[in-house]
Amino acid sequence: MLRRNRFNDWIFSRQSKHVIPAKYKVAAQPLTGKQPLPSDGKSDYPLRPSHQLQLDFDAGPYSTTSIVLLIARDGTR
């Protein structure tokens, strides 16, 4: 279960051109390790992502935005 906290909000907002509003939906799902990892050509994966995190929120009156992040469990973090 993911808990919302200020640090996570800051990380997600910093990595995005969007300001994430207080009201959003979050979903996380484990990755099996068999899926190919997407590449943006700028970064690599020193630690294979273990989960996909998706944030969905309203970006305007008639606009919604989804942000998909690949995250990794490192020990208990």
C-alpha atoms as a PDB file:
ATOM      1  CA  MET A   1       0.000   0.000   0.000  1.00  0.00           C
ATOM      2  CA  LEU A   2       1.320   3.414  -0.931  1.00  0.00           C
ATOM      3  CA  ARG A   3       1.072   6.231   1.531  1.00  0.00           C
ATOM      4  CA  ARG A   4       0.863   9.798   0.366  1.00  0.00           C
ATOM      5  CA  ASN A   5       3.506  12.090   1.780  1.00  0.00           C
ATOM      6  CA  ARG A   6       5.113  15.418   0.944  1.00  0.00           C
ATOM      7  CA  PHE A   7       8.341  13.853  -0.306  1.00  0.00           C
ATOM      8  CA  ASN A   8       6.530  11.674  -2.856  1.00  0.00           C
ATOM      9  CA  ASP A   9       4.431  14.644  -3.966  1.00  0.00           C
ATOM     10  CA  TRP A  10       7.613  16.682  -4.441  1.00  0.00           C
ATOM     11  CA  ILE A  11       9.377  13.940  -6.435  1.00  0.00           C
ATOM     12  CA  PHE A  12       6.410  13.379  -8.752  1.00  0.00           C
ATOM     13  CA  SER A  13       5.814  17.106  -9.283  1.00  0.00           C
ATOM     14  CA  ARG A  14       9.521  17.729  -9.915  1.00  0.00           C
ATOM     15  CA  GLN A  15       9.661  15.049 -12.592  1.00  0.00           C
ATOM     16  CA  SER A  16       6.565  16.305 -14.312  1.00  0.00           C
ATOM     17  CA  LYS A  17       5.578  19.517 -16.010  1.00  0.00           C
ATOM     18  CA  HIS A  18       2.272  19.213 -14.170  1.00  0.00           C
ATOM     19  CA  VAL A  19       1.437  20.273 -10.650  1.00  0.00           C
ATOM     20  CA  ILE A  20      -0.267  17.306  -9.072  1.00  0.00           C
ATOM     21  CA  PRO A  21      -3.419  18.452  -7.286  1.00  0.00           C
ATOM     22  CA  ALA A  22      -4.452  17.250  -3.854  1.00  0.00           C
ATOM     23  CA  LYS A  23      -7.204  15.108  -5.388  1.00  0.00           C
ATOM     24  CA  TYR A  24      -5.793  12.299  -7.525  1.00  0.00           C
ATOM     25  CA  LYS A  25      -6.133   8.549  -7.983  1.00  0.00           C
ATOM     26  CA  VAL A  26      -3.185   6.225  -7.588  1.00  0.00           C
ATOM     27  CA  ALA A  27      -2.745   2.614  -8.672  1.00  0.00           C
ATOM     28  CA  ALA A  28       0.285   0.375  -8.318  1.00  0.00           C
ATOM     29  CA  GLN A  29       0.907  -3.013  -9.828  1.00  0.00           C
ATOM     30  CA  PRO A  30       3.886  -5.351  -9.539  1.00  0.00           C
ATOM     31  CA  LEU A  31       6.013  -6.040 -12.601  1.00  0.00           C
ATOM     32  CA  THR A  32       6.777  -9.666 -13.357  1.00  0.00           C
ATOM     33  CA  GLY A  33      10.305  -9.026 -14.596  1.00  0.00           C
ATOM     34  CA  LYS A  34       9.416 -10.416 -18.015  1.00  0.00           C
ATOM     35  CA  GLN A  35       8.207  -7.151 -19.532  1.00  0.00           C
ATOM     36  CA  PRO A  36      10.764  -5.185 -21.550  1.00  0.00           C
ATOM     37  CA  LEU A  37      11.605  -1.886 -19.885  1.00  0.00           C
ATOM     38  CA  PRO A  38      10.878   1.295 -21.800  1.00  0.00           C
ATOM     39  CA  SER A  39      13.862   3.443 -22.671  1.00  0.00           C
ATOM     40  CA  ASP A  40      13.891   7.189 -23.046  1.00  0.00           C
ATOM     41  CA  GLY A  41      17.482   7.143 -24.271  1.00  0.00           C
ATOM     42  CA  LYS A  42      18.571   9.288 -21.323  1.00  0.00           C
ATOM     43  CA  SER A  43      18.604   6.923 -18.390  1.00  0.00           C
ATOM     44  CA  ASP A  44      19.262   3.332 -17.509  1.00  0.00           C
ATOM     45  CA  TYR A  45      17.969   1.119 -14.744  1.00  0.00           C
ATOM     46  CA  PRO A  46      20.665   0.394 -12.161  1.00  0.00           C
ATOM     47  CA  LEU A  47      17.974  -1.425 -10.183  1.00  0.00           C
ATOM     48  CA  ARG A  48      15.209  -3.194 -12.117  1.00  0.00           C
ATOM     49  CA  PRO A  49      11.806  -1.603 -11.395  1.00  0.00           C
ATOM     50  CA  SER A  50       9.556  -3.809  -9.311  1.00  0.00           C
ATOM     51  CA  HIS A  51       6.291  -1.866  -9.681  1.00  0.00           C
ATOM     52  CA  GLN A  52       4.445   0.440 -12.014  1.00  0.00           C
ATOM     53  CA  LEU A  53       2.802   3.431 -10.367  1.00  0.00           C
ATOM     54  CA  GLN A  54       0.076   5.389 -12.143  1.00  0.00           C
ATOM     55  CA  LEU A  55      -1.332   8.737 -11.033  1.00  0.00           C
ATOM     56  CA  ASP A  56      -4.524  10.040 -12.651  1.00  0.00           C
ATOM     57  CA  PHE A  57      -5.830  13.541 -12.064  1.00  0.00           C
ATOM     58  CA  ASP A  58      -7.869  16.324 -13.621  1.00  0.00           C
ATOM     59  CA  ALA A  59      -5.621  18.847 -15.373  1.00  0.00           C
ATOM     60  CA  GLY A  60      -8.452  21.176 -16.332  1.00  0.00           C
ATOM     61  CA  PRO A  61     -12.207  21.319 -16.767  1.00  0.00           C
ATOM     62  CA  TYR A  62     -12.168  18.901 -19.721  1.00  0.00           C
ATOM     63  CA  SER A  63      -8.721  17.387 -19.402  1.00  0.00           C
ATOM     64  CA  THR A  64      -7.264  14.473 -17.449  1.00  0.00           C
ATOM     65  CA  THR A  65      -3.649  13.442 -17.119  1.00  0.00           C
ATOM     66  CA  SER A  66      -2.004  10.133 -16.303  1.00  0.00           C
ATOM     67  CA  ILE A  67       1.584   9.840 -15.132  1.00  0.00           C
ATOM     68  CA  VAL A  68       3.164   6.391 -15.183  1.00  0.00           C
ATOM     69  CA  LEU A  69       6.332   5.815 -13.169  1.00  0.00           C
ATOM     70  CA  LEU A  70       8.432   2.703 -12.790  1.00  0.00           C
ATOM     71  CA  ILE A  71       9.579   2.323  -9.208  1.00  0.00           C
ATOM     72  CA  ALA A  72      11.822  -0.156  -7.439  1.00  0.00           C
ATOM     73  CA  ARG A  73      11.688  -1.760  -4.045  1.00  0.00           C
ATOM     74  CA  ASP A  74      15.065  -1.577  -2.374  1.00  0.00           C
ATOM     75  CA  GLY A  75      15.066  -3.642   0.792  1.00  0.00           C
ATOM     76  CA  THR A  76      12.184  -2.318   2.863  1.00  0.00           C
ATOM     77  CA  ARG A  77      11.952   0.952   0.900  1.00  0.00           C
END
